[in-house]
Amino acid sequence: MGHIFISYSSKDRSKTRALAKILEKNNLKVWWDKNLAPGKTFDRAISKALDDSESIVVLWSKNSVNSDWVLEEAYEGLERKILVPAIIETTRLPFGYRRIQAVNLSRWQGADSAKGIKDLIKALRALVEPDEKKKAKPKKKVAKRIRRLSGALDGKAIVFTGALSENRRAHEEKVNTLGARYVNGVSSKTDFLVVGKEPGKVKLEAAKKHGVKRLTENQWLKMLNEAYKRTLLNKKIVFTGKLNQPRTIHEKLANKLKAIPMSSISGKTDFLIVGDNPGKSKLDAAKKYSVKIISEDLWNDIVESL
């Protein structure tokens, strides 16, 4: 059973604490920011807890509807279809949340047996505890997904030689991101040899022998940019972990590149952009569905280059 993330305004802390205790008493695993360990970076810990949650409870009040933190956390739950809203104080709900059925706790005085509390627990159990029928069903084997990224470099074998402006590991990550193969030695199966300063004589001779196309580093970078544009077109992208910029900015950049930002991973996801302390659930899902993982540094390089 996964945990329940409680999103609330710090001004409603006493009511949140009372609610968390009742949920825990009913054997529900709860995360709220009082669980932060000393020394933990606040926003990183919250980001990871959100990623790993199986349900997000938002406590609407006059305070929380004006909190950017609460609105962003609620949006995460809405996008992933795991949001359970509860009204703890009569107020006008934010746009986009008014049609969603919410548990009414506006008159709740702290009793475990209140109808609103029972309704909340029932809604949460439906999300975090699979029913018996689901438990009994054997897991379907997920076929490994073979991805064609359509960036014109799918399956191409690329070799590098000589001194380049970036280290080989950086080039390797870029090659793999585009669905190509980073190879150390030149053979008849090599497609491109990228040549830097003072290239190796053995690789140059092998390229000539096998008719491998040679590229200068500038030609390679130009090819990369064109491949990025084609590769990202209409691709579904998910972000996880603590990022250097707010996710909303990264999502706008993705839209600008004609990619499709998503909140959760599925078999249709193409890329997972990873910041610091990424969520385990998203990393596991990426592995399960063969989603390509890109570091935030590389993502920023791609965005800047385009």
C-alpha atoms as a PDB file:
ATOM      1  CA  MET A   1       0.000   0.000   0.000  1.00  0.00           C
ATOM      2  CA  GLY A   2       1.407   3.379  -1.028  1.00  0.00           C
ATOM      3  CA  HIS A   3       1.242   6.522   1.078  1.00  0.00           C
ATOM      4  CA  ILE A   4      -1.288   9.344   1.103  1.00  0.00           C
ATOM      5  CA  PHE A   5       0.117  12.844   0.604  1.00  0.00           C
ATOM      6  CA  ILE A   6      -1.748  15.619   2.455  1.00  0.00           C
ATOM      7  CA  SER A   7      -1.619  19.052   0.847  1.00  0.00           C
ATOM      8  CA  TYR A   8      -2.654  21.908   3.142  1.00  0.00           C
ATOM      9  CA  SER A   9      -1.909  25.450   4.243  1.00  0.00           C
ATOM     10  CA  SER A  10       0.465  25.786   7.201  1.00  0.00           C
ATOM     11  CA  LYS A  11      -2.206  27.989   8.812  1.00  0.00           C
ATOM     12  CA  ASP A  12      -4.437  24.888   9.025  1.00  0.00           C
ATOM     13  CA  ARG A  13      -1.767  22.734  10.673  1.00  0.00           C
ATOM     14  CA  SER A  14      -3.755  21.788  13.815  1.00  0.00           C
ATOM     15  CA  LYS A  15      -6.714  20.448  11.819  1.00  0.00           C
ATOM     16  CA  THR A  16      -4.329  18.663   9.435  1.00  0.00           C
ATOM     17  CA  ARG A  17      -2.540  16.993  12.349  1.00  0.00           C
ATOM     18  CA  ALA A  18      -5.851  15.761  13.801  1.00  0.00           C
ATOM     19  CA  LEU A  19      -6.936  14.378  10.428  1.00  0.00           C
ATOM     20  CA  ALA A  20      -3.579  12.651   9.823  1.00  0.00           C
ATOM     21  CA  LYS A  21      -3.838  10.897  13.206  1.00  0.00           C
ATOM     22  CA  ILE A  22      -7.300   9.533  12.357  1.00  0.00           C
ATOM     23  CA  LEU A  23      -6.122   8.252   8.963  1.00  0.00           C
ATOM     24  CA  GLU A  24      -3.103   6.559  10.568  1.00  0.00           C
ATOM     25  CA  LYS A  25      -5.369   5.029  13.223  1.00  0.00           C
ATOM     26  CA  ASN A  26      -7.295   3.469  10.318  1.00  0.00           C
ATOM     27  CA  ASN A  27      -4.079   1.853   9.021  1.00  0.00           C
ATOM     28  CA  LEU A  28      -3.554   4.328   6.202  1.00  0.00           C
ATOM     29  CA  LYS A  29       0.021   5.430   5.557  1.00  0.00           C
ATOM     30  CA  VAL A  30       0.148   9.238   5.594  1.00  0.00           C
ATOM     31  CA  TRP A  31       2.800  11.747   4.510  1.00  0.00           C
ATOM     32  CA  TRP A  32       2.644  15.425   5.389  1.00  0.00           C
ATOM     33  CA  ASP A  33       5.481  17.844   5.956  1.00  0.00           C
ATOM     34  CA  LYS A  34       5.745  17.237   9.690  1.00  0.00           C
ATOM     35  CA  ASN A  35       7.458  14.012   8.575  1.00  0.00           C
ATOM     36  CA  LEU A  36      10.443  15.940   7.213  1.00  0.00           C
ATOM     37  CA  ALA A  37      13.668  14.724   8.805  1.00  0.00           C
ATOM     38  CA  PRO A  38      16.149  17.336  10.143  1.00  0.00           C
ATOM     39  CA  GLY A  39      18.517  18.481   7.405  1.00  0.00           C
ATOM     40  CA  LYS A  40      16.238  17.409   4.548  1.00  0.00           C
ATOM     41  CA  THR A  41      15.804  20.002   1.816  1.00  0.00           C
ATOM     42  CA  PHE A  42      12.174  21.077   2.058  1.00  0.00           C
ATOM     43  CA  ASP A  43      11.131  21.279  -1.597  1.00  0.00           C
ATOM     44  CA  ARG A  44      13.140  18.195  -2.628  1.00  0.00           C
ATOM     45  CA  ALA A  45      11.526  16.074   0.072  1.00  0.00           C
ATOM     46  CA  ILE A  46       8.048  17.279  -0.895  1.00  0.00           C
ATOM     47  CA  SER A  47       8.715  16.605  -4.583  1.00  0.00           C
ATOM     48  CA  LYS A  48       9.813  13.042  -3.833  1.00  0.00           C
ATOM     49  CA  ALA A  49       6.854  12.428  -1.503  1.00  0.00           C
ATOM     50  CA  LEU A  50       4.481  13.633  -4.224  1.00  0.00           C
ATOM     51  CA  ASP A  51       6.068  11.366  -6.825  1.00  0.00           C
ATOM     52  CA  ASP A  52       5.808   8.330  -4.544  1.00  0.00           C
ATOM     53  CA  SER A  53       2.225   8.964  -3.409  1.00  0.00           C
ATOM     54  CA  GLU A  54      -0.741   6.837  -4.440  1.00  0.00           C
ATOM     55  CA  SER A  55      -3.275   9.442  -3.358  1.00  0.00           C
ATOM     56  CA  ILE A  56      -3.165  13.190  -2.783  1.00  0.00           C
ATOM     57  CA  VAL A  57      -5.610  14.738  -0.315  1.00  0.00           C
ATOM     58  CA  VAL A  58      -6.013  18.488  -0.654  1.00  0.00           C
ATOM     59  CA  LEU A  59      -7.586  20.316   2.287  1.00  0.00           C
ATOM     60  CA  TRP A  60      -9.428  23.319   0.864  1.00  0.00           C
ATOM     61  CA  SER A  61      -9.765  26.363   3.118  1.00  0.00           C
ATOM     62  CA  LYS A  62      -9.644  30.148   2.769  1.00  0.00           C
ATOM     63  CA  ASN A  63      -5.910  29.832   3.381  1.00  0.00           C
ATOM     64  CA  SER A  64      -5.094  26.939   1.046  1.00  0.00           C
ATOM     65  CA  VAL A  65      -6.940  28.278  -2.030  1.00  0.00           C
ATOM     66  CA  ASN A  66      -4.430  31.146  -2.036  1.00  0.00           C
ATOM     67  CA  SER A  67      -1.346  28.968  -1.603  1.00  0.00           C
ATOM     68  CA  ASP A  68       0.772  28.369  -4.727  1.00  0.00           C
ATOM     69  CA  TRP A  69       2.235  25.253  -3.084  1.00  0.00           C
ATOM     70  CA  VAL A  70      -1.204  23.745  -2.448  1.00  0.00           C
ATOM     71  CA  LEU A  71      -2.438  24.574  -5.954  1.00  0.00           C
ATOM     72  CA  GLU A  72       0.607  22.907  -7.540  1.00  0.00           C
ATOM     73  CA  GLU A  73       0.255  19.802  -5.353  1.00  0.00           C
ATOM     74  CA  ALA A  74      -3.476  19.589  -6.095  1.00  0.00           C
ATOM     75  CA  TYR A  75      -2.754  19.872  -9.818  1.00  0.00           C
ATOM     76  CA  GLU A  76      -0.381  16.894  -9.549  1.00  0.00           C
ATOM     77  CA  GLY A  77      -3.198  14.838  -8.027  1.00  0.00           C
ATOM     78  CA  LEU A  78      -5.664  16.015 -10.657  1.00  0.00           C
ATOM     79  CA  GLU A  79      -3.351  15.118 -13.548  1.00  0.00           C
ATOM     80  CA  ARG A  80      -2.587  11.677 -12.131  1.00  0.00           C
ATOM     81  CA  LYS A  81      -6.263  11.063 -11.262  1.00  0.00           C
ATOM     82  CA  ILE A  82      -5.442  10.415  -7.601  1.00  0.00           C
ATOM     83  CA  LEU A  83      -6.842  13.636  -6.090  1.00  0.00           C
ATOM     84  CA  VAL A  84      -9.229  13.404  -3.123  1.00  0.00           C
ATOM     85  CA  PRO A  85     -10.394  16.935  -2.179  1.00  0.00           C
ATOM     86  CA  ALA A  86     -11.778  17.735   1.271  1.00  0.00           C
ATOM     87  CA  ILE A  87     -13.318  21.067   2.271  1.00  0.00           C
ATOM     88  CA  ILE A  88     -12.314  21.978   5.823  1.00  0.00           C
ATOM     89  CA  GLU A  89     -13.642  25.538   5.628  1.00  0.00           C
ATOM     90  CA  THR A  90     -16.398  27.008   3.457  1.00  0.00           C
ATOM     91  CA  THR A  91     -14.711  28.915   0.647  1.00  0.00           C
ATOM     92  CA  ARG A  92     -14.839  29.422  -3.119  1.00  0.00           C
ATOM     93  CA  LEU A  93     -12.746  26.681  -4.710  1.00  0.00           C
ATOM     94  CA  PRO A  94     -10.090  27.478  -7.345  1.00  0.00           C
ATOM     95  CA  PHE A  95     -11.050  27.337 -11.002  1.00  0.00           C
ATOM     96  CA  GLY A  96     -10.715  23.803 -12.360  1.00  0.00           C
ATOM     97  CA  TYR A  97     -11.645  22.133  -9.054  1.00  0.00           C
ATOM     98  CA  ARG A  98     -15.258  23.256  -8.612  1.00  0.00           C
ATOM     99  CA  ARG A  99     -16.809  20.315 -10.450  1.00  0.00           C
ATOM    100  CA  ILE A 100     -14.833  17.687  -8.548  1.00  0.00           C
ATOM    101  CA  GLN A 101     -16.788  15.977  -5.775  1.00  0.00           C
ATOM    102  CA  ALA A 102     -15.221  16.899  -2.442  1.00  0.00           C
ATOM    103  CA  VAL A 103     -15.675  15.492   1.054  1.00  0.00           C
ATOM    104  CA  ASN A 104     -17.330  18.112   3.266  1.00  0.00           C
ATOM    105  CA  LEU A 105     -15.453  18.518   6.549  1.00  0.00           C
ATOM    106  CA  SER A 106     -16.341  22.177   7.073  1.00  0.00           C
ATOM    107  CA  ARG A 107     -18.294  21.343  10.263  1.00  0.00           C
ATOM    108  CA  TRP A 108     -15.997  18.589  11.446  1.00  0.00           C
ATOM    109  CA  GLN A 109     -15.042  18.949  15.114  1.00  0.00           C
ATOM    110  CA  GLY A 110     -12.466  16.158  15.298  1.00  0.00           C
ATOM    111  CA  ALA A 111     -14.692  13.082  15.817  1.00  0.00           C
ATOM    112  CA  ASP A 112     -13.463   9.800  14.275  1.00  0.00           C
ATOM    113  CA  SER A 113     -17.034   8.710  13.548  1.00  0.00           C
ATOM    114  CA  ALA A 114     -18.118  11.771  11.540  1.00  0.00           C
ATOM    115  CA  LYS A 115     -19.736  10.942   8.187  1.00  0.00           C
ATOM    116  CA  GLY A 116     -17.243  13.115   6.290  1.00  0.00           C
ATOM    117  CA  ILE A 117     -14.326  11.215   7.835  1.00  0.00           C
ATOM    118  CA  LYS A 118     -15.874   7.870   6.863  1.00  0.00           C
ATOM    119  CA  ASP A 119     -16.425   9.116   3.304  1.00  0.00           C
ATOM    120  CA  LEU A 120     -12.818  10.316   3.114  1.00  0.00           C
ATOM    121  CA  ILE A 121     -11.405   7.000   4.354  1.00  0.00           C
ATOM    122  CA  LYS A 122     -13.578   5.072   1.882  1.00  0.00           C
ATOM    123  CA  ALA A 123     -12.366   7.207  -1.039  1.00  0.00           C
ATOM    124  CA  LEU A 124      -8.733   6.803   0.017  1.00  0.00           C
ATOM    125  CA  ARG A 125      -8.959   3.027   0.455  1.00  0.00           C
ATOM    126  CA  ALA A 126     -10.311   2.750  -3.077  1.00  0.00           C
ATOM    127  CA  LEU A 127      -7.103   4.362  -4.358  1.00  0.00           C
ATOM    128  CA  VAL A 128      -4.396   2.864  -2.159  1.00  0.00           C
ATOM    129  CA  GLU A 129      -5.775  -0.610  -1.434  1.00  0.00           C
ATOM    130  CA  PRO A 130      -6.429  -2.812  -4.501  1.00  0.00           C
ATOM    131  CA  ASP A 131      -9.609  -4.861  -4.192  1.00  0.00           C
ATOM    132  CA  GLU A 132      -9.503  -8.644  -3.904  1.00  0.00           C
ATOM    133  CA  LYS A 133     -10.345  -9.209  -7.574  1.00  0.00           C
ATOM    134  CA  LYS A 134      -7.365  -7.123  -8.625  1.00  0.00           C
ATOM    135  CA  LYS A 135      -5.143  -8.958  -6.153  1.00  0.00           C
ATOM    136  CA  ALA A 136      -6.203 -12.334  -7.520  1.00  0.00           C
ATOM    137  CA  LYS A 137      -5.443 -11.472 -11.122  1.00  0.00           C
ATOM    138  CA  PRO A 138      -1.982 -12.582 -12.243  1.00  0.00           C
ATOM    139  CA  LYS A 139       0.196  -9.767 -13.466  1.00  0.00           C
ATOM    140  CA  LYS A 140       0.340  -9.448 -17.207  1.00  0.00           C
ATOM    141  CA  LYS A 141       3.783  -9.665 -18.651  1.00  0.00           C
ATOM    142  CA  VAL A 142       4.686  -6.323 -20.153  1.00  0.00           C
ATOM    143  CA  ALA A 143       6.324  -6.741 -23.505  1.00  0.00           C
ATOM    144  CA  LYS A 144       9.528  -4.770 -23.845  1.00  0.00           C
ATOM    145  CA  ARG A 145       8.811  -1.758 -25.973  1.00  0.00           C
ATOM    146  CA  ILE A 146      10.999  -1.216 -29.005  1.00  0.00           C
ATOM    147  CA  ARG A 147      11.137   2.504 -29.579  1.00  0.00           C
ATOM    148  CA  ARG A 148      11.598   4.282 -32.847  1.00  0.00           C
ATOM    149  CA  LEU A 149      12.204   7.923 -32.018  1.00  0.00           C
ATOM    150  CA  SER A 150      12.137   9.157 -35.627  1.00  0.00           C
ATOM    151  CA  GLY A 151      15.014  11.552 -35.165  1.00  0.00           C
ATOM    152  CA  ALA A 152      16.855  10.104 -38.202  1.00  0.00           C
ATOM    153  CA  LEU A 153      19.486   8.520 -35.930  1.00  0.00           C
ATOM    154  CA  ASP A 154      17.535   5.471 -34.721  1.00  0.00           C
ATOM    155  CA  GLY A 155      19.862   2.488 -34.519  1.00  0.00           C
ATOM    156  CA  LYS A 156      22.829   4.351 -36.032  1.00  0.00           C
ATOM    157  CA  ALA A 157      26.263   3.386 -34.738  1.00  0.00           C
ATOM    158  CA  ILE A 158      28.380   6.449 -33.922  1.00  0.00           C
ATOM    159  CA  VAL A 159      32.077   6.553 -33.009  1.00  0.00           C
ATOM    160  CA  PHE A 160      34.076   9.528 -31.683  1.00  0.00           C
ATOM    161  CA  THR A 161      37.767  10.246 -32.004  1.00  0.00           C
ATOM    162  CA  GLY A 162      40.099  13.069 -31.008  1.00  0.00           C
ATOM    163  CA  ALA A 163      39.665  15.919 -28.532  1.00  0.00           C
ATOM    164  CA  LEU A 164      36.099  17.253 -28.402  1.00  0.00           C
ATOM    165  CA  SER A 165      34.489  20.228 -26.653  1.00  0.00           C
ATOM    166  CA  GLU A 166      32.577  17.838 -24.355  1.00  0.00           C
ATOM    167  CA  ASN A 167      33.669  14.646 -22.666  1.00  0.00           C
ATOM    168  CA  ARG A 168      32.757  11.275 -24.138  1.00  0.00           C
ATOM    169  CA  ARG A 169      30.191  10.514 -21.439  1.00  0.00           C
ATOM    170  CA  ALA A 170      28.186  13.612 -22.414  1.00  0.00           C
ATOM    171  CA  HIS A 171      28.251  12.561 -26.073  1.00  0.00           C
ATOM    172  CA  GLU A 172      27.276   9.022 -25.123  1.00  0.00           C
ATOM    173  CA  GLU A 173      24.200  10.285 -23.247  1.00  0.00           C
ATOM    174  CA  LYS A 174      23.149  12.380 -26.240  1.00  0.00           C
ATOM    175  CA  VAL A 175      23.610   9.493 -28.647  1.00  0.00           C
ATOM    176  CA  ASN A 176      21.562   7.126 -26.495  1.00  0.00           C
ATOM    177  CA  THR A 177      18.814   9.700 -26.007  1.00  0.00           C
ATOM    178  CA  LEU A 178      18.266   9.833 -29.764  1.00  0.00           C
ATOM    179  CA  GLY A 179      17.979   6.067 -30.094  1.00  0.00           C
ATOM    180  CA  ALA A 180      21.421   5.724 -31.674  1.00  0.00           C
ATOM    181  CA  ARG A 181      24.321   3.565 -30.415  1.00  0.00           C
ATOM    182  CA  TYR A 182      27.558   4.868 -28.923  1.00  0.00           C
ATOM    183  CA  VAL A 183      30.355   2.576 -30.137  1.00  0.00           C
ATOM    184  CA  ASN A 184      34.060   2.599 -29.304  1.00  0.00           C
ATOM    185  CA  GLY A 185      35.545   1.009 -32.415  1.00  0.00           C
ATOM    186  CA  VAL A 186      35.005   1.570 -36.153  1.00  0.00           C
ATOM    187  CA  SER A 187      33.740  -1.370 -38.233  1.00  0.00           C
ATOM    188  CA  SER A 188      31.674  -2.031 -41.332  1.00  0.00           C
ATOM    189  CA  LYS A 189      28.574  -1.513 -39.151  1.00  0.00           C
ATOM    190  CA  THR A 190      29.569   2.017 -38.108  1.00  0.00           C
ATOM    191  CA  ASP A 191      27.481   4.822 -39.612  1.00  0.00           C
ATOM    192  CA  PHE A 192      29.332   7.976 -38.514  1.00  0.00           C
ATOM    193  CA  LEU A 193      32.765   8.885 -37.178  1.00  0.00           C
ATOM    194  CA  VAL A 194      32.800  12.226 -35.357  1.00  0.00           C
ATOM    195  CA  VAL A 195      36.283  13.724 -35.610  1.00  0.00           C
ATOM    196  CA  GLY A 196      37.755  16.187 -33.094  1.00  0.00           C
ATOM    197  CA  LYS A 197      41.252  17.635 -32.793  1.00  0.00           C
ATOM    198  CA  GLU A 198      44.212  15.228 -33.102  1.00  0.00           C
ATOM    199  CA  PRO A 199      42.067  12.188 -34.064  1.00  0.00           C
ATOM    200  CA  GLY A 200      43.293   8.635 -33.729  1.00  0.00           C
ATOM    201  CA  LYS A 201      44.996   7.273 -36.845  1.00  0.00           C
ATOM    202  CA  VAL A 202      43.543   3.763 -36.387  1.00  0.00           C
ATOM    203  CA  LYS A 203      39.960   5.012 -36.368  1.00  0.00           C
ATOM    204  CA  LEU A 204      40.543   7.289 -39.369  1.00  0.00           C
ATOM    205  CA  GLU A 205      42.017   4.429 -41.407  1.00  0.00           C
ATOM    206  CA  ALA A 206      39.211   2.064 -40.383  1.00  0.00           C
ATOM    207  CA  ALA A 207      36.624   4.658 -41.411  1.00  0.00           C
ATOM    208  CA  LYS A 208      38.267   5.027 -44.812  1.00  0.00           C
ATOM    209  CA  LYS A 209      38.449   1.240 -45.240  1.00  0.00           C
ATOM    210  CA  HIS A 210      34.756   0.698 -44.455  1.00  0.00           C
ATOM    211  CA  GLY A 211      33.424   3.825 -46.155  1.00  0.00           C
ATOM    212  CA  VAL A 212      32.200   5.360 -42.894  1.00  0.00           C
ATOM    213  CA  LYS A 213      30.995   8.963 -43.164  1.00  0.00           C
ATOM    214  CA  ARG A 214      33.181  11.432 -41.257  1.00  0.00           C
ATOM    215  CA  LEU A 215      31.729  14.427 -39.429  1.00  0.00           C
ATOM    216  CA  THR A 216      33.421  17.398 -37.817  1.00  0.00           C
ATOM    217  CA  GLU A 217      32.195  18.198 -34.313  1.00  0.00           C
ATOM    218  CA  ASN A 218      30.272  21.203 -35.670  1.00  0.00           C
ATOM    219  CA  GLN A 219      28.562  19.019 -38.266  1.00  0.00           C
ATOM    220  CA  TRP A 220      27.703  16.532 -35.523  1.00  0.00           C
ATOM    221  CA  LEU A 221      26.182  19.261 -33.311  1.00  0.00           C
ATOM    222  CA  LYS A 222      24.115  20.544 -36.225  1.00  0.00           C
ATOM    223  CA  MET A 223      22.902  17.002 -36.887  1.00  0.00           C
ATOM    224  CA  LEU A 224      22.082  16.664 -33.193  1.00  0.00           C
ATOM    225  CA  ASN A 225      19.902  19.775 -33.206  1.00  0.00           C
ATOM    226  CA  GLU A 226      17.919  18.567 -36.198  1.00  0.00           C
ATOM    227  CA  ALA A 227      17.548  15.136 -34.600  1.00  0.00           C
ATOM    228  CA  TYR A 228      16.343  16.669 -31.309  1.00  0.00           C
ATOM    229  CA  LYS A 229      13.617  18.605 -33.113  1.00  0.00           C
ATOM    230  CA  ARG A 230      12.319  15.517 -34.880  1.00  0.00           C
ATOM    231  CA  THR A 231      12.766  13.285 -31.850  1.00  0.00           C
ATOM    232  CA  LEU A 232      10.785  15.526 -29.463  1.00  0.00           C
ATOM    233  CA  LEU A 233       7.934  16.227 -31.870  1.00  0.00           C
ATOM    234  CA  ASN A 234       4.680  14.959 -30.273  1.00  0.00           C
ATOM    235  CA  LYS A 235       6.627  12.900 -27.717  1.00  0.00           C
ATOM    236  CA  LYS A 236       5.208  12.494 -24.212  1.00  0.00           C
ATOM    237  CA  ILE A 237       7.546  13.774 -21.471  1.00  0.00           C
ATOM    238  CA  VAL A 238       7.368  13.399 -17.681  1.00  0.00           C
ATOM    239  CA  PHE A 239       9.462  15.270 -15.099  1.00  0.00           C
ATOM    240  CA  THR A 240      10.537  13.983 -11.670  1.00  0.00           C
ATOM    241  CA  GLY A 241      12.727  15.098  -8.779  1.00  0.00           C
ATOM    242  CA  LYS A 242      13.904  18.530  -7.715  1.00  0.00           C
ATOM    243  CA  LEU A 243      14.494  20.649 -10.810  1.00  0.00           C
ATOM    244  CA  ASN A 244      16.459  23.890 -11.073  1.00  0.00           C
ATOM    245  CA  GLN A 245      13.384  25.657 -12.425  1.00  0.00           C
ATOM    246  CA  PRO A 246       9.674  25.178 -11.585  1.00  0.00           C
ATOM    247  CA  ARG A 247       7.995  22.361 -13.492  1.00  0.00           C
ATOM    248  CA  THR A 248       5.575  24.814 -15.060  1.00  0.00           C
ATOM    249  CA  ILE A 249       8.514  26.475 -16.857  1.00  0.00           C
ATOM    250  CA  HIS A 250       9.872  23.111 -18.059  1.00  0.00           C
ATOM    251  CA  GLU A 251       6.397  22.154 -19.281  1.00  0.00           C
ATOM    252  CA  LYS A 252       6.115  25.428 -21.227  1.00  0.00           C
ATOM    253  CA  LEU A 253       9.508  24.730 -22.803  1.00  0.00           C
ATOM    254  CA  ALA A 254       8.355  21.218 -23.741  1.00  0.00           C
ATOM    255  CA  ASN A 255       5.229  22.670 -25.367  1.00  0.00           C
ATOM    256  CA  LYS A 256       7.379  25.160 -27.246  1.00  0.00           C
ATOM    257  CA  LEU A 257       9.383  22.234 -28.660  1.00  0.00           C
ATOM    258  CA  LYS A 258       6.038  20.615 -29.642  1.00  0.00           C
ATOM    259  CA  ALA A 259       6.426  17.853 -27.077  1.00  0.00           C
ATOM    260  CA  ILE A 260       3.618  16.831 -24.704  1.00  0.00           C
ATOM    261  CA  PRO A 261       4.318  17.203 -20.955  1.00  0.00           C
ATOM    262  CA  MET A 262       2.555  14.610 -18.765  1.00  0.00           C
ATOM    263  CA  SER A 263       2.345  14.103 -15.001  1.00  0.00           C
ATOM    264  CA  SER A 264       2.641  10.318 -14.776  1.00  0.00           C
ATOM    265  CA  ILE A 265       4.326   7.484 -16.664  1.00  0.00           C
ATOM    266  CA  SER A 266       2.501   4.917 -18.771  1.00  0.00           C
ATOM    267  CA  GLY A 267       3.260   2.687 -21.717  1.00  0.00           C
ATOM    268  CA  LYS A 268       2.829   5.733 -23.968  1.00  0.00           C
ATOM    269  CA  THR A 269       5.499   7.845 -22.256  1.00  0.00           C
ATOM    270  CA  ASP A 270       8.654   8.516 -24.292  1.00  0.00           C
ATOM    271  CA  PHE A 271      11.012  10.421 -21.971  1.00  0.00           C
ATOM    272  CA  LEU A 272      11.505  10.913 -18.224  1.00  0.00           C
ATOM    273  CA  ILE A 273      13.472  14.053 -17.277  1.00  0.00           C
ATOM    274  CA  VAL A 274      15.243  13.445 -13.961  1.00  0.00           C
ATOM    275  CA  GLY A 275      16.326  16.067 -11.416  1.00  0.00           C
ATOM    276  CA  ASP A 276      17.760  15.546  -7.918  1.00  0.00           C
ATOM    277  CA  ASN A 277      16.130  12.944  -5.640  1.00  0.00           C
ATOM    278  CA  PRO A 278      13.774  11.536  -8.297  1.00  0.00           C
ATOM    279  CA  GLY A 279      10.649   9.628  -7.267  1.00  0.00           C
ATOM    280  CA  LYS A 280      11.196   5.870  -7.055  1.00  0.00           C
ATOM    281  CA  SER A 281       7.746   5.094  -8.456  1.00  0.00           C
ATOM    282  CA  LYS A 282       8.461   7.049 -11.648  1.00  0.00           C
ATOM    283  CA  LEU A 283      11.901   5.503 -12.062  1.00  0.00           C
ATOM    284  CA  ASP A 284      10.439   2.007 -11.624  1.00  0.00           C
ATOM    285  CA  ALA A 285       7.665   2.783 -14.115  1.00  0.00           C
ATOM    286  CA  ALA A 286      10.217   4.135 -16.608  1.00  0.00           C
ATOM    287  CA  LYS A 287      12.162   0.885 -16.363  1.00  0.00           C
ATOM    288  CA  LYS A 288       8.989  -1.184 -16.702  1.00  0.00           C
ATOM    289  CA  TYR A 289       7.894   0.608 -19.881  1.00  0.00           C
ATOM    290  CA  SER A 290      11.387   1.123 -21.376  1.00  0.00           C
ATOM    291  CA  VAL A 291      11.064   4.911 -21.136  1.00  0.00           C
ATOM    292  CA  LYS A 292      14.226   6.815 -21.997  1.00  0.00           C
ATOM    293  CA  ILE A 293      15.661   8.658 -18.994  1.00  0.00           C
ATOM    294  CA  ILE A 294      17.325  12.047 -19.537  1.00  0.00           C
ATOM    295  CA  SER A 295      19.221  14.044 -16.932  1.00  0.00           C
ATOM    296  CA  GLU A 296      18.055  17.594 -16.308  1.00  0.00           C
ATOM    297  CA  ASP A 297      21.465  18.869 -17.480  1.00  0.00           C
ATOM    298  CA  LEU A 298      21.023  17.234 -20.881  1.00  0.00           C
ATOM    299  CA  TRP A 299      17.420  18.445 -21.095  1.00  0.00           C
ATOM    300  CA  ASN A 300      18.643  22.005 -20.472  1.00  0.00           C
ATOM    301  CA  ASP A 301      21.342  21.589 -23.149  1.00  0.00           C
ATOM    302  CA  ILE A 302      18.699  20.414 -25.627  1.00  0.00           C
ATOM    303  CA  VAL A 303      16.404  23.328 -24.817  1.00  0.00           C
ATOM    304  CA  GLU A 304      19.230  25.877 -25.099  1.00  0.00           C
ATOM    305  CA  SER A 305      20.481  24.432 -28.384  1.00  0.00           C
ATOM    306  CA  LEU A 306      17.027  24.703 -29.938  1.00  0.00           C
END
